[in-house]
Amino acid sequence: MQYRIRFPFVFLAFLLLLPFAAAQVYNITDLGLIEPTAINTWGQVAGAANGHAALWTQSSGIQDLGLLPGGTFSQATALNDLGVVAGVADGAGTVVYDDSTPSLSCSDLTQPFRWTSSGGMQGLGSRGFNTGPPFGFIGGCDLYTYATGINVQGKVIGNNRTYGDYLYGFLWTKNTGLDWKVWNYQDRANDINGLGQIAGETGPLYLLLIGHAALSTNGVVADLGTLSGSNPSDPNFWRHCSAANGVNDLGQAVGWSNTGPTPQIFCMADNIHAVLWSNTKKIKIQDLGTLPGDTASLAKKINLLGQVIGASGTAGIDDNGAVQVTGHPFVWSSRTGMRDLNALIRANSGWVLNSVSDINAWGQIVGAGTLNGEPHGFLLTPRTLFGF
């Protein structure tokens, strides 16, 4: 009799507790003062702390990666599975030109860097370019060039900040050095996968903030299109805008797209939704929607399992002239749809998750938030395999 009474009580308690247990999908690790930007398969985290590029590991905590000679700041932006870090820093560097113009030595050049545990931080310099008449050569010691990605082969990609009307993505390799024009004039290179595919955006002459998402494979560029139309014969073709921010090793890309043509000449983050492009027999674009009550969303990264992270909220433009969304960080999968990450951690933890920056193959996510009101970096680890 006691068993019969106790069993319904225990079963009822289990049913009442189940929603709370199910709600906590992730355990959260406090990364301290590091502002995370990237995570690799081994759980190493790259970012910045106290104005210096930094690398976090579970065993060693935060490691300061230092500065370039004569430099004042550095920030890690990308990390591969061999522990090689890429980023941006100021300091002594060289601008190389694309003809017989002599190289320019700079005492203070903001440039991409590559860091290894054996060799430390190496500045990659920058490259001046010839736009032709009437402007001629563009770029001196005032160039601002930054890395956005590095793959397992050590190839580094990135962009220059807008220099007048000129915006180029770059590709750096040990053999070729830094070279502009990843695919076309007016482009951004945002991510690179293990196969060397580069995801970003490309647009027409002089028209910044106008472009389509693009994926470069062995130098062949595919226009990934938009949600609202991609017919080149459409007179409003360049008022339909999109950008690819991340690509996985299956060639799936994620980013954002306008849901309709913009009312003005520039794509100033109007009506944008996070999207997923799949490169099966024909490129397909999928609208990932927004979280309830939000007006915009943007996807940042996608892992090998097709899990996507990003932000849902309000759209704007960041310091590098790229579209951004601030609000609620999300994780999306084909099984669960879009979920607010703040609803997937333990309640009353003291954490507020503000943004996410990367996700690895195991579904671990890094980003920035506040812990009891103080800025901290965080690492989310799924409580079940891959968070499914």
Protein backbone atom coordinates (compact mmCIF):
# COMPACT_ATOMS: atom_id res chain seq x y z
CA MET A 1 0.00 0.00 0.00
CA GLN A 2 2.83 2.37 0.85
CA TYR A 3 4.38 1.62 -2.54
CA ARG A 4 1.14 2.45 -4.36
CA ILE A 5 0.89 5.80 -2.57
CA ARG A 6 4.56 6.66 -3.06
CA PHE A 7 4.72 5.73 -6.75
CA PRO A 8 2.05 8.15 -8.01
CA PHE A 9 3.64 10.90 -5.91
CA VAL A 10 7.11 10.25 -7.31
CA PHE A 11 5.74 9.95 -10.84
CA LEU A 12 3.85 13.23 -10.48
CA ALA A 13 6.97 14.95 -9.12
CA PHE A 14 8.93 13.62 -12.09
CA LEU A 15 6.38 15.04 -14.53
CA LEU A 16 6.48 18.42 -12.79
CA LEU A 17 10.26 18.55 -12.87
CA LEU A 18 10.63 17.33 -16.45
CA PRO A 19 10.04 20.73 -18.13
CA PHE A 20 12.68 22.33 -15.90
CA ALA A 21 15.22 19.62 -16.67
CA ALA A 22 14.44 19.78 -20.38
CA ALA A 23 14.82 23.57 -20.39
CA GLN A 24 18.47 23.36 -19.35
CA VAL A 25 20.03 22.21 -22.59
CA TYR A 26 23.49 23.67 -21.90
CA ASN A 27 25.95 23.84 -19.05
CA ILE A 28 27.72 27.19 -18.95
CA THR A 29 31.43 27.78 -18.24
CA ASP A 30 32.64 31.21 -17.14
CA LEU A 31 35.55 32.28 -19.38
CA GLY A 32 36.27 35.37 -17.32
CA LEU A 33 37.44 38.56 -19.03
CA ILE A 34 38.04 37.05 -22.46
CA GLU A 35 35.67 38.22 -25.22
CA PRO A 36 35.36 35.02 -27.29
CA THR A 37 35.34 35.07 -31.07
CA ALA A 38 36.15 31.47 -32.06
CA ILE A 39 36.20 27.89 -30.77
CA ASN A 40 37.80 24.80 -32.32
CA THR A 41 37.00 21.09 -32.12
CA TRP A 42 39.22 20.67 -29.04
CA GLY A 43 37.39 23.35 -27.06
CA GLN A 44 40.14 25.97 -27.32
CA VAL A 45 38.68 29.47 -27.39
CA ALA A 46 40.22 32.55 -29.04
CA GLY A 47 39.32 36.19 -28.48
CA ALA A 48 40.61 39.24 -26.63
CA ALA A 49 41.24 40.15 -22.99
CA ASN A 50 42.46 43.50 -21.70
CA GLY A 51 43.19 44.73 -25.21
CA HIS A 52 45.35 41.75 -26.18
CA ALA A 53 44.62 38.69 -28.29
CA ALA A 54 44.01 35.73 -25.99
CA LEU A 55 43.59 31.96 -26.06
CA TRP A 56 41.58 30.06 -23.42
CA THR A 57 41.87 26.37 -22.60
CA GLN A 58 40.21 24.32 -19.87
CA SER A 59 43.57 23.33 -18.42
CA SER A 60 45.45 26.65 -18.58
CA GLY A 61 42.81 29.35 -18.51
CA ILE A 62 43.52 32.59 -20.40
CA GLN A 63 46.84 32.95 -22.26
CA ASP A 64 47.92 36.42 -23.44
CA LEU A 65 49.12 36.18 -27.05
CA GLY A 66 50.89 39.53 -26.90
CA LEU A 67 51.38 42.33 -29.42
CA LEU A 68 53.29 43.04 -32.61
CA PRO A 69 56.50 45.12 -32.26
CA GLY A 70 55.50 48.70 -31.50
CA GLY A 71 51.84 47.73 -31.22
CA THR A 72 49.17 48.86 -28.79
CA PHE A 73 46.37 46.32 -29.32
CA SER A 74 45.60 42.90 -30.73
CA GLN A 75 42.48 40.77 -31.08
CA ALA A 76 42.07 37.14 -32.12
CA THR A 77 39.23 36.58 -34.58
CA ALA A 78 39.70 33.01 -35.82
CA LEU A 79 41.17 29.67 -34.70
CA ASN A 80 41.79 26.36 -36.45
CA ASP A 81 41.95 22.80 -35.11
CA LEU A 82 45.76 22.92 -34.95
CA GLY A 83 45.59 25.79 -32.45
CA VAL A 84 46.75 28.42 -34.96
CA VAL A 85 45.15 31.80 -34.32
CA ALA A 86 44.41 34.66 -36.75
CA GLY A 87 43.32 38.17 -35.91
CA VAL A 88 44.10 41.87 -36.16
CA ALA A 89 46.78 43.98 -34.48
CA ASP A 90 48.66 47.23 -34.96
CA GLY A 91 52.42 47.57 -35.09
CA ALA A 92 55.34 47.52 -37.49
CA GLY A 93 54.42 46.16 -40.90
CA THR A 94 54.87 46.40 -44.65
CA VAL A 95 52.47 47.41 -47.42
CA VAL A 96 53.28 45.60 -50.68
CA TYR A 97 51.97 46.94 -53.99
CA ASP A 98 50.74 44.96 -56.96
CA ASP A 99 53.25 46.32 -59.47
CA SER A 100 56.79 47.68 -59.38
CA THR A 101 55.93 50.34 -56.79
CA PRO A 102 58.38 49.96 -53.88
CA SER A 103 57.01 48.40 -50.69
CA LEU A 104 56.15 50.79 -47.88
CA SER A 105 57.49 50.17 -44.36
CA CYS A 106 55.15 51.37 -41.60
CA SER A 107 55.84 51.77 -37.91
CA ASP A 108 52.12 51.55 -37.15
CA LEU A 109 50.04 49.46 -39.54
CA THR A 110 46.76 47.81 -38.56
CA GLN A 111 47.08 44.39 -40.16
CA PRO A 112 46.05 40.75 -39.90
CA PHE A 113 48.25 38.42 -37.87
CA ARG A 114 48.91 34.72 -37.54
CA TRP A 115 49.94 33.21 -34.18
CA THR A 116 51.38 29.80 -33.40
CA SER A 117 52.56 28.37 -30.09
CA SER A 118 56.06 27.88 -31.51
CA GLY A 119 56.48 31.10 -33.48
CA GLY A 120 54.35 33.61 -31.62
CA MET A 121 52.58 36.47 -33.42
CA GLN A 122 53.48 37.23 -37.03
CA GLY A 123 52.12 40.34 -38.79
CA LEU A 124 50.92 39.58 -42.31
CA GLY A 125 51.24 43.16 -43.56
CA SER A 126 48.86 44.64 -46.11
CA ARG A 127 48.66 45.27 -49.83
CA GLY A 128 48.14 48.45 -51.81
CA PHE A 129 46.18 48.09 -55.00
CA ASN A 130 45.85 49.84 -58.32
CA THR A 131 42.30 50.96 -59.08
CA GLY A 132 43.29 52.46 -62.41
CA PRO A 133 42.62 56.03 -63.54
CA PRO A 134 41.83 58.48 -62.13
CA PHE A 135 42.66 57.28 -58.61
CA GLY A 136 45.71 55.11 -59.21
CA PHE A 137 47.23 53.38 -56.19
CA ILE A 138 45.24 53.17 -53.00
CA GLY A 139 46.59 52.31 -49.61
CA GLY A 140 49.40 53.36 -47.34
CA CYS A 141 50.18 53.06 -43.65
CA ASP A 142 46.59 54.13 -42.91
CA LEU A 143 45.15 50.88 -44.29
CA TYR A 144 43.10 48.87 -41.77
CA THR A 145 43.13 45.18 -42.69
CA TYR A 146 41.79 42.40 -40.46
CA ALA A 147 41.46 38.61 -40.54
CA THR A 148 38.07 36.89 -40.35
CA GLY A 149 38.94 33.21 -40.78
CA ILE A 150 41.64 30.54 -40.88
CA ASN A 151 41.29 26.92 -41.98
CA VAL A 152 43.19 23.78 -41.05
CA GLN A 153 45.63 24.31 -43.95
CA GLY A 154 46.55 27.66 -42.41
CA LYS A 155 44.95 29.81 -45.14
CA VAL A 156 43.88 33.16 -43.70
CA ILE A 157 41.09 35.34 -45.10
CA GLY A 158 39.83 38.78 -44.21
CA ASN A 159 39.00 42.27 -45.39
CA ASN A 160 40.09 45.86 -45.39
CA ARG A 161 37.89 48.42 -43.74
CA THR A 162 36.26 50.57 -46.40
CA TYR A 163 38.93 52.79 -47.96
CA GLY A 164 36.92 55.47 -49.70
CA ASP A 165 34.80 53.44 -52.11
CA TYR A 166 37.16 50.47 -52.11
CA LEU A 167 36.47 47.25 -50.26
CA TYR A 168 38.34 44.01 -50.87
CA GLY A 169 38.51 40.58 -49.34
CA PHE A 170 41.94 38.95 -49.09
CA LEU A 171 43.44 35.48 -49.02
CA TRP A 172 46.82 34.83 -47.38
CA THR A 173 48.88 31.67 -47.78
CA LYS A 174 52.49 30.88 -46.87
CA ASN A 175 53.37 30.58 -50.56
CA THR A 176 51.60 33.63 -52.00
CA GLY A 177 51.41 36.02 -49.07
CA LEU A 178 48.45 38.38 -48.87
CA ASP A 179 46.48 38.94 -52.06
CA TRP A 180 43.34 41.01 -52.63
CA LYS A 181 40.40 40.20 -54.85
CA VAL A 182 39.15 36.92 -53.47
CA TRP A 183 36.57 36.93 -56.26
CA ASN A 184 35.62 40.39 -57.48
CA TYR A 185 35.73 44.11 -56.86
CA GLN A 186 33.76 45.21 -53.79
CA ASP A 187 33.65 42.03 -51.79
CA ARG A 188 33.97 40.64 -48.26
CA ALA A 189 35.52 37.34 -47.22
CA ASN A 190 33.81 36.22 -44.00
CA ASP A 191 34.62 32.53 -43.46
CA ILE A 192 36.68 29.70 -44.93
CA ASN A 193 36.16 25.95 -44.50
CA GLY A 194 38.57 23.03 -44.52
CA LEU A 195 38.14 22.60 -48.29
CA GLY A 196 39.18 26.19 -48.94
CA GLN A 197 35.69 27.39 -49.86
CA ILE A 198 35.24 31.07 -48.96
CA ALA A 199 31.88 32.52 -47.92
CA GLY A 200 31.10 36.22 -48.05
CA GLU A 201 29.46 38.75 -50.30
CA THR A 202 30.17 40.52 -53.57
CA GLY A 203 28.63 43.60 -55.12
CA PRO A 204 28.78 46.12 -57.96
CA LEU A 205 31.22 48.98 -58.52
CA TYR A 206 31.22 51.78 -55.91
CA LEU A 207 28.03 50.62 -54.23
CA LEU A 208 28.96 49.66 -50.68
CA LEU A 209 26.41 47.82 -48.57
CA ILE A 210 24.92 46.40 -51.75
CA GLY A 211 25.74 42.82 -52.53
CA HIS A 212 24.77 39.19 -52.75
CA ALA A 213 25.99 36.29 -50.70
CA ALA A 214 28.71 34.38 -52.54
CA LEU A 215 30.63 31.14 -52.16
CA SER A 216 34.00 30.71 -53.89
CA THR A 217 35.10 27.13 -54.67
CA ASN A 218 38.50 26.71 -56.33
CA GLY A 219 38.18 30.24 -57.68
CA VAL A 220 34.71 29.66 -59.14
CA VAL A 221 32.19 32.02 -57.58
CA ALA A 222 28.55 31.10 -57.00
CA ASP A 223 26.01 33.85 -56.33
CA LEU A 224 23.87 32.39 -53.55
CA GLY A 225 20.96 34.70 -54.21
CA THR A 226 18.37 36.18 -51.88
CA LEU A 227 14.97 35.38 -50.43
CA SER A 228 13.31 38.08 -52.50
CA GLY A 229 14.73 37.57 -55.98
CA SER A 230 17.96 36.90 -57.86
CA ASN A 231 17.16 37.39 -61.53
CA PRO A 232 19.93 39.53 -63.10
CA SER A 233 17.41 40.90 -65.63
CA ASP A 234 15.38 42.40 -62.77
CA PRO A 235 16.05 46.20 -62.79
CA ASN A 236 16.01 46.04 -58.98
CA PHE A 237 18.50 43.13 -58.90
CA TRP A 238 20.92 44.94 -56.56
CA ARG A 239 18.13 46.08 -54.25
CA HIS A 240 17.74 42.43 -53.23
CA CYS A 241 20.65 41.88 -50.84
CA SER A 242 22.25 39.08 -48.83
CA ALA A 243 25.55 38.02 -47.24
CA ALA A 244 27.11 34.71 -46.18
CA ASN A 245 28.83 34.81 -42.78
CA GLY A 246 29.74 31.16 -42.21
CA VAL A 247 30.35 27.94 -44.14
CA ASN A 248 30.88 24.36 -42.93
CA ASP A 249 32.88 21.54 -44.54
CA LEU A 250 29.76 20.32 -46.38
CA GLY A 251 29.52 23.64 -48.20
CA GLN A 252 26.41 24.73 -46.31
CA ALA A 253 26.48 28.50 -45.79
CA VAL A 254 24.56 30.79 -43.44
CA GLY A 255 24.04 34.53 -43.20
CA TRP A 256 21.21 36.94 -43.89
CA SER A 257 18.95 38.07 -46.71
CA ASN A 258 16.42 40.83 -47.27
CA THR A 259 12.92 39.43 -47.41
CA GLY A 260 11.98 42.07 -49.99
CA PRO A 261 13.70 44.75 -52.08
CA THR A 262 15.16 47.64 -50.10
CA PRO A 263 13.44 51.03 -50.51
CA GLN A 264 16.75 52.84 -51.04
CA ILE A 265 19.99 52.34 -52.96
CA PHE A 266 21.91 50.93 -49.98
CA CYS A 267 21.05 47.71 -48.17
CA MET A 268 20.84 49.30 -44.76
CA ALA A 269 19.66 46.18 -42.96
CA ASP A 270 16.03 46.42 -44.06
CA ASN A 271 13.74 43.41 -43.53
CA ILE A 272 16.51 40.89 -42.97
CA HIS A 273 16.18 37.26 -41.85
CA ALA A 274 18.74 34.61 -41.01
CA VAL A 275 19.10 32.15 -43.89
CA LEU A 276 20.69 28.80 -44.71
CA TRP A 277 22.00 27.93 -48.17
CA SER A 278 22.43 24.24 -49.00
CA ASN A 279 24.51 23.29 -52.02
CA THR A 280 22.86 20.09 -53.09
CA LYS A 281 22.18 19.67 -56.83
CA LYS A 282 20.84 23.22 -56.88
CA ILE A 283 21.50 25.98 -54.37
CA LYS A 284 18.52 26.33 -52.07
CA ILE A 285 17.87 29.15 -49.63
CA GLN A 286 15.89 28.62 -46.42
CA ASP A 287 14.40 31.40 -44.30
CA LEU A 288 15.15 30.62 -40.62
CA GLY A 289 12.73 33.28 -39.36
CA THR A 290 13.09 35.27 -36.15
CA LEU A 291 12.36 34.76 -32.47
CA PRO A 292 8.84 35.85 -31.43
CA GLY A 293 8.43 39.62 -31.34
CA ASP A 294 11.66 40.41 -33.22
CA THR A 295 11.92 42.22 -36.54
CA ALA A 296 15.25 40.92 -37.81
CA SER A 297 17.66 38.00 -37.51
CA LEU A 298 21.10 37.04 -38.79
CA ALA A 299 23.03 33.76 -38.79
CA LYS A 300 26.75 33.78 -37.98
CA LYS A 301 28.11 30.23 -38.08
CA ILE A 302 27.10 26.67 -38.93
CA ASN A 303 28.77 23.46 -37.76
CA LEU A 304 29.16 20.12 -39.50
CA LEU A 305 25.83 18.87 -38.11
CA GLY A 306 23.93 21.83 -39.51
CA GLN A 307 23.45 23.61 -36.18
CA VAL A 308 23.31 27.36 -36.71
CA ILE A 309 23.96 30.23 -34.30
CA GLY A 310 23.15 33.91 -34.65
CA ALA A 311 21.12 36.79 -33.30
CA SER A 312 17.47 37.83 -33.45
CA GLY A 313 16.39 41.36 -32.63
CA THR A 314 17.13 44.71 -34.28
CA ALA A 315 19.35 45.22 -37.32
CA GLY A 316 22.08 47.82 -37.84
CA ILE A 317 25.59 48.34 -39.26
CA ASP A 318 28.83 47.56 -37.40
CA ASP A 319 32.18 49.41 -37.38
CA ASN A 320 33.36 47.53 -40.46
CA GLY A 321 30.28 48.49 -42.48
CA ALA A 322 28.71 45.03 -42.27
CA VAL A 323 25.12 44.26 -41.31
CA GLN A 324 24.66 43.15 -37.70
CA VAL A 325 21.73 42.20 -35.46
CA THR A 326 21.62 42.83 -31.72
CA GLY A 327 19.13 41.29 -29.33
CA HIS A 328 18.73 37.61 -28.46
CA PRO A 329 21.39 35.00 -29.30
CA PHE A 330 19.87 31.87 -30.84
CA VAL A 331 20.68 28.33 -31.86
CA TRP A 332 18.80 26.71 -34.74
CA SER A 333 18.55 23.15 -36.02
CA SER A 334 16.23 21.50 -38.52
CA ARG A 335 14.72 19.45 -35.67
CA THR A 336 14.10 22.18 -33.11
CA GLY A 337 13.92 25.38 -35.16
CA MET A 338 15.16 28.65 -33.67
CA ARG A 339 15.58 28.79 -29.88
CA ASP A 340 16.61 31.63 -27.59
CA LEU A 341 19.78 30.50 -25.82
CA ASN A 342 18.86 32.38 -22.65
CA ALA A 343 15.95 29.95 -22.28
CA LEU A 344 18.28 26.95 -22.55
CA ILE A 345 20.54 27.59 -19.54
CA ARG A 346 19.78 27.11 -15.85
CA ALA A 347 17.29 29.64 -14.51
CA ASN A 348 18.55 32.10 -11.86
CA SER A 349 22.16 31.41 -12.88
CA GLY A 350 23.05 35.11 -12.85
CA TRP A 351 23.90 34.94 -16.55
CA VAL A 352 22.46 37.03 -19.38
CA LEU A 353 23.74 35.88 -22.77
CA ASN A 354 24.13 38.88 -25.10
CA SER A 355 25.83 37.51 -28.22
CA VAL A 356 27.34 34.38 -29.76
CA SER A 357 30.31 34.16 -32.10
CA ASP A 358 31.12 30.53 -32.94
CA ILE A 359 30.02 26.88 -32.62
CA ASN A 360 32.17 23.76 -32.95
CA ALA A 361 31.47 20.25 -34.23
CA TRP A 362 30.29 19.09 -30.77
CA GLY A 363 27.73 21.88 -30.52
CA GLN A 364 29.75 23.94 -28.02
CA ILE A 365 29.00 27.65 -28.36
CA VAL A 366 31.03 30.69 -27.28
CA GLY A 367 29.92 34.26 -26.81
CA ALA A 368 29.72 37.28 -24.53
CA GLY A 369 27.29 38.13 -21.76
CA THR A 370 27.04 39.34 -18.20
CA LEU A 371 27.37 37.40 -14.98
CA ASN A 372 25.64 39.16 -12.09
CA GLY A 373 25.81 42.34 -14.15
CA GLU A 374 29.54 42.11 -15.01
CA PRO A 375 30.85 41.44 -18.58
CA HIS A 376 32.15 37.87 -18.99
CA GLY A 377 32.81 35.45 -21.80
CA PHE A 378 30.99 32.12 -21.76
CA LEU A 379 31.21 28.60 -23.15
CA LEU A 380 28.02 26.60 -23.56
CA THR A 381 28.39 22.80 -23.59
CA PRO A 382 25.40 20.60 -24.48
CA ARG A 383 24.16 18.42 -21.60
CA THR A 384 23.34 15.73 -24.16
CA LEU A 385 25.37 14.80 -27.24
CA PHE A 386 25.39 17.78 -29.64
CA GLY A 387 22.47 19.36 -27.73
CA PHE A 388 19.86 17.21 -29.54
